[in-house]
Amino acid sequence: MKERCRQICGDDVSNCFINNKKQIACIADMVINKVFGISSVVEIALKENLKEDIVERLDLALKETQELIDWIKFLQIANDLKTLISASELNHEAEKRSEMRFPLPEIYKQYLALKINTFGVYNQVTLLNFSRSGLRFKSLFPLETNSVKECILVTSHIISKEVSFNVIIRHCIKDSGGYIVGGQIEKVSDSTSFDFFKSIYDYAIDILRKQQ
C-alpha cells in the first residue's frame, strides 16, 4: 500500500488526510454494502455440497471479502490514510497472523477505555491494536501467559456503554514503563460469539454521529 501511495502522490505525505468526512463515510458505506452482498452469496454457496477444492477457494474468497469490509470500516472511522497505512505495515510485520489487526485511532482514545480484572479489581490498560478476535494492549503490571482474564470495553462519550468479554493471555513482554500483552477473545457475557472489531467500530460510529 505504501508503494502504491508513493506512485500516486510521491513522497509527500503531509496532505495524506481525508478532509471530507461525510464523503468518505458515504463511499465506505456503499463499498461495505456491495462487498457484504458478495460475502453473503459466498456463504450460501458454502452450504452446498461442493468439491473440496471449490470449498477451499470459496473459503479464501470469503476471508478476503471479510478483510476488505473491515479495512473499509476502519478507513470510515479513522478518516486518515496515514493511520490506514500504519495498519497495513502492522499486518505486514506479522504475516502469519490469521486476522487483520488495526491500531486504535488517536481520536477515540479519550472516549474508549479497556479494563482488565486482576485480583477482583478492574484496572485500565492501553489498547494498542485489535482484530475480530484478538487484541494487544499495554499494561502497568505483568499477566500470566495462558491465563483467562475478564475484560470490559467502555465508552464514555455522552452516554456510557460497556461490553464484557474474556481474554486468554497469549504473551506478555516487558517494555519500557510496563508490559506489552497480546490476547485472544474467549467469549462474551451475553453472546456465544463476539466480534471485538465490531464493538470498536460500533462505538466509534456512535461517537462520530454524536460529534456531528
C-alpha atoms as a PDB file:
ATOM      1  CA  MET A   1       0.000   0.000   0.000  1.00  0.00           C
ATOM      2  CA  LYS A   2       2.803   2.382   0.855  1.00  0.00           C
ATOM      3  CA  GLU A   3       4.356   1.846  -2.586  1.00  0.00           C
ATOM      4  CA  ARG A   4       1.024   2.491  -4.298  1.00  0.00           C
ATOM      5  CA  CYS A   5       0.642   5.749  -2.357  1.00  0.00           C
ATOM      6  CA  ARG A   6       4.146   6.776  -3.395  1.00  0.00           C
ATOM      7  CA  GLN A   7       3.359   6.122  -7.059  1.00  0.00           C
ATOM      8  CA  ILE A   8       0.294   8.369  -6.892  1.00  0.00           C
ATOM      9  CA  CYS A   9       1.449  11.204  -4.614  1.00  0.00           C
ATOM     10  CA  GLY A  10       5.222  10.809  -4.373  1.00  0.00           C
ATOM     11  CA  ASP A  11       6.996  11.027  -1.028  1.00  0.00           C
ATOM     12  CA  ASP A  12       4.947  13.966   0.276  1.00  0.00           C
ATOM     13  CA  VAL A  13       2.627  12.589   2.965  1.00  0.00           C
ATOM     14  CA  SER A  14       1.914  15.941   4.624  1.00  0.00           C
ATOM     15  CA  ASN A  15      -1.505  16.140   2.946  1.00  0.00           C
ATOM     16  CA  CYS A  16      -2.346  12.464   3.339  1.00  0.00           C
ATOM     17  CA  PHE A  17      -5.652  13.112   5.079  1.00  0.00           C
ATOM     18  CA  ILE A  18      -9.278  12.822   4.037  1.00  0.00           C
ATOM     19  CA  ASN A  19     -10.819  16.167   4.983  1.00  0.00           C
ATOM     20  CA  ASN A  20     -14.384  15.484   3.857  1.00  0.00           C
ATOM     21  CA  LYS A  21     -15.565  13.008   6.496  1.00  0.00           C
ATOM     22  CA  LYS A  22     -19.110  12.822   5.123  1.00  0.00           C
ATOM     23  CA  GLN A  23     -17.828  11.951   1.669  1.00  0.00           C
ATOM     24  CA  ILE A  24     -15.614   9.092   2.867  1.00  0.00           C
ATOM     25  CA  ALA A  25     -18.459   7.831   5.091  1.00  0.00           C
ATOM     26  CA  CYS A  26     -20.746   7.714   2.051  1.00  0.00           C
ATOM     27  CA  ILE A  27     -18.196   5.944  -0.166  1.00  0.00           C
ATOM     28  CA  ALA A  28     -17.311   3.491   2.611  1.00  0.00           C
ATOM     29  CA  ASP A  29     -20.979   2.668   3.220  1.00  0.00           C
ATOM     30  CA  MET A  30     -21.551   1.893  -0.477  1.00  0.00           C
ATOM     31  CA  VAL A  31     -18.465  -0.318  -0.690  1.00  0.00           C
ATOM     32  CA  ILE A  32     -19.362  -2.165   2.541  1.00  0.00           C
ATOM     33  CA  ASN A  33     -22.894  -2.898   1.275  1.00  0.00           C
ATOM     34  CA  LYS A  34     -21.638  -4.214  -2.080  1.00  0.00           C
ATOM     35  CA  VAL A  35     -18.916  -6.402  -0.567  1.00  0.00           C
ATOM     36  CA  PHE A  36     -21.272  -7.667   2.141  1.00  0.00           C
ATOM     37  CA  GLY A  37     -23.637  -8.774  -0.637  1.00  0.00           C
ATOM     38  CA  ILE A  38     -20.801 -10.735  -2.266  1.00  0.00           C
ATOM     39  CA  SER A  39     -19.798 -12.383   1.007  1.00  0.00           C
ATOM     40  CA  SER A  40     -23.447 -13.392   1.633  1.00  0.00           C
ATOM     41  CA  VAL A  41     -23.544 -15.168  -1.738  1.00  0.00           C
ATOM     42  CA  VAL A  42     -20.283 -16.979  -0.929  1.00  0.00           C
ATOM     43  CA  GLU A  43     -21.632 -18.047   2.490  1.00  0.00           C
ATOM     44  CA  ILE A  44     -24.751 -19.506   0.836  1.00  0.00           C
ATOM     45  CA  ALA A  45     -22.616 -21.354  -1.722  1.00  0.00           C
ATOM     46  CA  LEU A  46     -20.510 -22.888   1.043  1.00  0.00           C
ATOM     47  CA  LYS A  47     -23.614 -24.612   2.420  1.00  0.00           C
ATOM     48  CA  GLU A  48     -23.986 -26.587  -0.812  1.00  0.00           C
ATOM     49  CA  ASN A  49     -22.404 -29.997  -1.421  1.00  0.00           C
ATOM     50  CA  LEU A  50     -19.328 -28.826  -3.333  1.00  0.00           C
ATOM     51  CA  LYS A  51     -15.968 -30.330  -4.218  1.00  0.00           C
ATOM     52  CA  GLU A  52     -13.197 -29.845  -1.666  1.00  0.00           C
ATOM     53  CA  ASP A  53     -11.045 -27.633  -3.900  1.00  0.00           C
ATOM     54  CA  ILE A  54     -14.021 -25.360  -4.642  1.00  0.00           C
ATOM     55  CA  VAL A  55     -14.808 -25.091  -0.928  1.00  0.00           C
ATOM     56  CA  GLU A  56     -11.203 -24.075  -0.244  1.00  0.00           C
ATOM     57  CA  ARG A  57     -11.380 -21.347  -2.877  1.00  0.00           C
ATOM     58  CA  LEU A  58     -14.706 -20.076  -1.571  1.00  0.00           C
ATOM     59  CA  ASP A  59     -13.327 -20.041   1.984  1.00  0.00           C
ATOM     60  CA  LEU A  60     -10.420 -17.928   0.772  1.00  0.00           C
ATOM     61  CA  ALA A  61     -12.776 -15.611  -1.134  1.00  0.00           C
ATOM     62  CA  LEU A  62     -14.936 -15.202   1.984  1.00  0.00           C
ATOM     63  CA  LYS A  63     -11.901 -14.404   4.119  1.00  0.00           C
ATOM     64  CA  GLU A  64     -10.728 -11.797   1.589  1.00  0.00           C
ATOM     65  CA  THR A  65     -14.146 -10.108   1.423  1.00  0.00           C
ATOM     66  CA  GLN A  66     -14.441 -10.033   5.222  1.00  0.00           C
ATOM     67  CA  GLU A  67     -10.998  -8.432   5.454  1.00  0.00           C
ATOM     68  CA  LEU A  68     -11.961  -5.861   2.825  1.00  0.00           C
ATOM     69  CA  ILE A  69     -15.095  -4.968   4.801  1.00  0.00           C
ATOM     70  CA  ASP A  70     -13.015  -4.483   7.959  1.00  0.00           C
ATOM     71  CA  TRP A  71     -10.437  -2.451   6.010  1.00  0.00           C
ATOM     72  CA  ILE A  72     -13.125  -0.087   4.668  1.00  0.00           C
ATOM     73  CA  LYS A  73     -14.836   0.170   8.059  1.00  0.00           C
ATOM     74  CA  PHE A  74     -11.535   1.139   9.643  1.00  0.00           C
ATOM     75  CA  LEU A  75     -10.997   3.813   6.984  1.00  0.00           C
ATOM     76  CA  GLN A  76     -14.500   5.062   7.730  1.00  0.00           C
ATOM     77  CA  ILE A  77     -13.818   5.603  11.434  1.00  0.00           C
ATOM     78  CA  ALA A  78     -10.169   6.669  11.155  1.00  0.00           C
ATOM     79  CA  ASN A  79     -10.651   9.232   8.360  1.00  0.00           C
ATOM     80  CA  ASP A  80      -6.896   9.226   7.952  1.00  0.00           C
ATOM     81  CA  LEU A  81      -4.939   7.395   5.245  1.00  0.00           C
ATOM     82  CA  LYS A  82      -1.754   7.571   7.324  1.00  0.00           C
ATOM     83  CA  THR A  83      -3.469   5.515  10.049  1.00  0.00           C
ATOM     84  CA  LEU A  84      -4.576   3.018   7.407  1.00  0.00           C
ATOM     85  CA  ILE A  85      -1.008   2.781   6.093  1.00  0.00           C
ATOM     86  CA  SER A  86       0.262   2.058   9.608  1.00  0.00           C
ATOM     87  CA  ALA A  87      -2.361  -0.716   9.838  1.00  0.00           C
ATOM     88  CA  SER A  88      -1.030  -2.231   6.608  1.00  0.00           C
ATOM     89  CA  GLU A  89       2.523  -2.103   7.953  1.00  0.00           C
ATOM     90  CA  LEU A  90       1.351  -3.695  11.204  1.00  0.00           C
ATOM     91  CA  ASN A  91      -0.072  -6.679   9.328  1.00  0.00           C
ATOM     92  CA  HIS A  92       2.949  -6.927   7.032  1.00  0.00           C
ATOM     93  CA  GLU A  93       5.202  -7.336  10.082  1.00  0.00           C
ATOM     94  CA  ALA A  94       3.094 -10.282  11.284  1.00  0.00           C
ATOM     95  CA  GLU A  95       2.175 -12.115   8.083  1.00  0.00           C
ATOM     96  CA  LYS A  96       1.392 -15.348   9.950  1.00  0.00           C
ATOM     97  CA  ARG A  97      -1.420 -13.640  11.857  1.00  0.00           C
ATOM     98  CA  SER A  98      -4.795 -15.127  10.872  1.00  0.00           C
ATOM     99  CA  GLU A  99      -6.676 -11.819  11.109  1.00  0.00           C
ATOM    100  CA  MET A 100      -6.011  -8.213  10.186  1.00  0.00           C
ATOM    101  CA  ARG A 101      -5.006  -6.020  13.118  1.00  0.00           C
ATOM    102  CA  PHE A 102      -5.789  -2.308  13.329  1.00  0.00           C
ATOM    103  CA  PRO A 103      -4.308   0.383  15.596  1.00  0.00           C
ATOM    104  CA  LEU A 104      -6.760   2.340  17.742  1.00  0.00           C
ATOM    105  CA  PRO A 105      -7.098   5.797  16.111  1.00  0.00           C
ATOM    106  CA  GLU A 106      -5.938   8.615  18.358  1.00  0.00           C
ATOM    107  CA  ILE A 107      -9.290  10.432  18.193  1.00  0.00           C
ATOM    108  CA  TYR A 108     -11.046   7.658  20.158  1.00  0.00           C
ATOM    109  CA  LYS A 109      -8.536   7.140  22.946  1.00  0.00           C
ATOM    110  CA  GLN A 110     -10.206   9.748  25.170  1.00  0.00           C
ATOM    111  CA  TYR A 111     -13.596   8.068  24.815  1.00  0.00           C
ATOM    112  CA  LEU A 112     -12.800   4.346  24.850  1.00  0.00           C
ATOM    113  CA  ALA A 113     -11.353   2.537  27.828  1.00  0.00           C
ATOM    114  CA  LEU A 114     -10.252  -1.080  28.178  1.00  0.00           C
ATOM    115  CA  LYS A 115     -10.224  -2.518  31.704  1.00  0.00           C
ATOM    116  CA  ILE A 116      -8.962  -5.910  32.864  1.00  0.00           C
ATOM    117  CA  ASN A 117      -9.855  -7.760  36.055  1.00  0.00           C
ATOM    118  CA  THR A 118      -6.847  -8.580  38.235  1.00  0.00           C
ATOM    119  CA  PHE A 119      -7.417  -9.896  41.751  1.00  0.00           C
ATOM    120  CA  GLY A 120     -11.008  -8.661  41.744  1.00  0.00           C
ATOM    121  CA  VAL A 121     -10.207  -5.114  40.640  1.00  0.00           C
ATOM    122  CA  TYR A 122     -10.680  -3.727  37.122  1.00  0.00           C
ATOM    123  CA  ASN A 123      -7.553  -1.828  36.118  1.00  0.00           C
ATOM    124  CA  GLN A 124      -7.379   0.251  32.955  1.00  0.00           C
ATOM    125  CA  VAL A 125      -4.888  -0.744  30.253  1.00  0.00           C
ATOM    126  CA  THR A 126      -3.961   0.986  26.986  1.00  0.00           C
ATOM    127  CA  LEU A 127      -5.426  -0.645  23.867  1.00  0.00           C
ATOM    128  CA  LEU A 128      -2.796  -0.682  21.087  1.00  0.00           C
ATOM    129  CA  ASN A 129      -4.417  -2.688  18.285  1.00  0.00           C
ATOM    130  CA  PHE A 130      -7.346  -5.012  17.688  1.00  0.00           C
ATOM    131  CA  SER A 131      -8.956  -7.505  15.316  1.00  0.00           C
ATOM    132  CA  ARG A 132     -12.151  -9.558  15.257  1.00  0.00           C
ATOM    133  CA  SER A 133     -10.944 -11.962  17.956  1.00  0.00           C
ATOM    134  CA  GLY A 134      -7.668 -10.563  19.246  1.00  0.00           C
ATOM    135  CA  LEU A 135      -6.121  -7.509  20.817  1.00  0.00           C
ATOM    136  CA  ARG A 136      -2.849  -6.070  22.046  1.00  0.00           C
ATOM    137  CA  PHE A 137      -2.533  -3.663  24.935  1.00  0.00           C
ATOM    138  CA  LYS A 138      -0.041  -2.102  27.306  1.00  0.00           C
ATOM    139  CA  SER A 139      -0.330  -2.907  30.999  1.00  0.00           C
ATOM    140  CA  LEU A 140       1.448  -1.494  34.029  1.00  0.00           C
ATOM    141  CA  PHE A 141       1.594  -4.979  35.522  1.00  0.00           C
ATOM    142  CA  PRO A 142       2.519  -8.435  34.147  1.00  0.00           C
ATOM    143  CA  LEU A 143      -0.130 -11.004  33.228  1.00  0.00           C
ATOM    144  CA  GLU A 144       0.419 -14.756  33.252  1.00  0.00           C
ATOM    145  CA  THR A 145       0.555 -16.422  29.830  1.00  0.00           C
ATOM    146  CA  ASN A 146      -2.447 -18.726  29.098  1.00  0.00           C
ATOM    147  CA  SER A 147      -4.419 -17.246  31.992  1.00  0.00           C
ATOM    148  CA  VAL A 148      -8.014 -16.129  31.329  1.00  0.00           C
ATOM    149  CA  LYS A 149      -8.928 -12.578  32.304  1.00  0.00           C
ATOM    150  CA  GLU A 150     -12.255 -10.765  32.421  1.00  0.00           C
ATOM    151  CA  CYS A 151     -12.279  -7.530  30.426  1.00  0.00           C
ATOM    152  CA  ILE A 152     -14.617  -4.601  29.887  1.00  0.00           C
ATOM    153  CA  LEU A 153     -14.660  -2.245  26.914  1.00  0.00           C
ATOM    154  CA  VAL A 154     -16.237   1.051  27.960  1.00  0.00           C
ATOM    155  CA  THR A 155     -17.230   4.148  26.012  1.00  0.00           C
ATOM    156  CA  SER A 156     -17.809   7.348  27.972  1.00  0.00           C
ATOM    157  CA  HIS A 157     -18.923   9.674  25.168  1.00  0.00           C
ATOM    158  CA  ILE A 158     -22.167  11.386  26.318  1.00  0.00           C
ATOM    159  CA  ILE A 159     -23.833   8.071  27.260  1.00  0.00           C
ATOM    160  CA  SER A 160     -21.704   5.395  28.907  1.00  0.00           C
ATOM    161  CA  LYS A 161     -21.849   1.913  27.321  1.00  0.00           C
ATOM    162  CA  GLU A 162     -19.875  -1.223  28.025  1.00  0.00           C
ATOM    163  CA  VAL A 163     -19.435  -4.828  26.916  1.00  0.00           C
ATOM    164  CA  SER A 164     -17.810  -7.661  28.892  1.00  0.00           C
ATOM    165  CA  PHE A 165     -15.716 -10.499  27.495  1.00  0.00           C
ATOM    166  CA  ASN A 166     -12.919 -12.897  28.428  1.00  0.00           C
ATOM    167  CA  VAL A 167      -9.379 -12.844  27.046  1.00  0.00           C
ATOM    168  CA  ILE A 168      -6.784 -15.635  27.001  1.00  0.00           C
ATOM    169  CA  ILE A 169      -3.354 -14.080  27.551  1.00  0.00           C
ATOM    170  CA  ARG A 170      -1.065 -15.296  24.745  1.00  0.00           C
ATOM    171  CA  HIS A 171       2.096 -13.351  25.513  1.00  0.00           C
ATOM    172  CA  CYS A 172       3.365 -10.736  27.943  1.00  0.00           C
ATOM    173  CA  ILE A 173       6.596  -8.893  27.150  1.00  0.00           C
ATOM    174  CA  LYS A 174       8.416  -6.412  29.392  1.00  0.00           C
ATOM    175  CA  ASP A 175       8.535  -2.962  27.852  1.00  0.00           C
ATOM    176  CA  SER A 176       9.565   0.487  28.974  1.00  0.00           C
ATOM    177  CA  GLY A 177       7.036   1.641  31.547  1.00  0.00           C
ATOM    178  CA  GLY A 178       5.080  -1.603  31.594  1.00  0.00           C
ATOM    179  CA  TYR A 179       4.255  -4.750  29.631  1.00  0.00           C
ATOM    180  CA  ILE A 180       3.017  -5.382  26.085  1.00  0.00           C
ATOM    181  CA  VAL A 181       0.296  -8.032  26.242  1.00  0.00           C
ATOM    182  CA  GLY A 182      -1.359  -9.991  23.430  1.00  0.00           C
ATOM    183  CA  GLY A 183      -4.676 -11.726  23.967  1.00  0.00           C
ATOM    184  CA  GLN A 184      -7.291 -13.854  22.225  1.00  0.00           C
ATOM    185  CA  ILE A 185     -11.011 -13.318  22.801  1.00  0.00           C
ATOM    186  CA  GLU A 186     -12.570 -16.328  24.500  1.00  0.00           C
ATOM    187  CA  LYS A 187     -16.203 -15.395  24.957  1.00  0.00           C
ATOM    188  CA  VAL A 188     -18.584 -12.544  25.694  1.00  0.00           C
ATOM    189  CA  SER A 189     -21.023 -12.468  28.581  1.00  0.00           C
ATOM    190  CA  ASP A 190     -24.234 -12.148  26.529  1.00  0.00           C
ATOM    191  CA  SER A 191     -23.358 -13.975  23.298  1.00  0.00           C
ATOM    192  CA  THR A 192     -21.851 -17.231  22.068  1.00  0.00           C
ATOM    193  CA  SER A 193     -19.690 -15.328  19.571  1.00  0.00           C
ATOM    194  CA  PHE A 194     -18.011 -11.965  19.941  1.00  0.00           C
ATOM    195  CA  ASP A 195     -16.509  -9.710  17.280  1.00  0.00           C
ATOM    196  CA  PHE A 196     -14.176  -7.294  19.055  1.00  0.00           C
ATOM    197  CA  PHE A 197     -13.555  -5.306  15.866  1.00  0.00           C
ATOM    198  CA  LYS A 198     -17.326  -4.770  15.506  1.00  0.00           C
ATOM    199  CA  SER A 199     -17.554  -3.482  19.084  1.00  0.00           C
ATOM    200  CA  ILE A 200     -14.825  -0.900  18.432  1.00  0.00           C
ATOM    201  CA  TYR A 201     -16.441   0.050  15.116  1.00  0.00           C
ATOM    202  CA  ASP A 202     -19.958   0.404  16.577  1.00  0.00           C
ATOM    203  CA  TYR A 203     -18.679   2.563  19.438  1.00  0.00           C
ATOM    204  CA  ALA A 204     -16.622   4.711  17.050  1.00  0.00           C
ATOM    205  CA  ILE A 205     -19.555   5.267  14.670  1.00  0.00           C
ATOM    206  CA  ASP A 206     -21.724   6.240  17.645  1.00  0.00           C
ATOM    207  CA  ILE A 207     -19.079   8.740  18.803  1.00  0.00           C
ATOM    208  CA  LEU A 208     -18.767  10.242  15.299  1.00  0.00           C
ATOM    209  CA  ARG A 209     -22.529  10.697  14.961  1.00  0.00           C
ATOM    210  CA  LYS A 210     -22.784  12.482  18.310  1.00  0.00           C
ATOM    211  CA  GLN A 211     -19.963  14.846  17.317  1.00  0.00           C
ATOM    212  CA  GLN A 212     -21.747  15.978  14.143  1.00  0.00           C
END
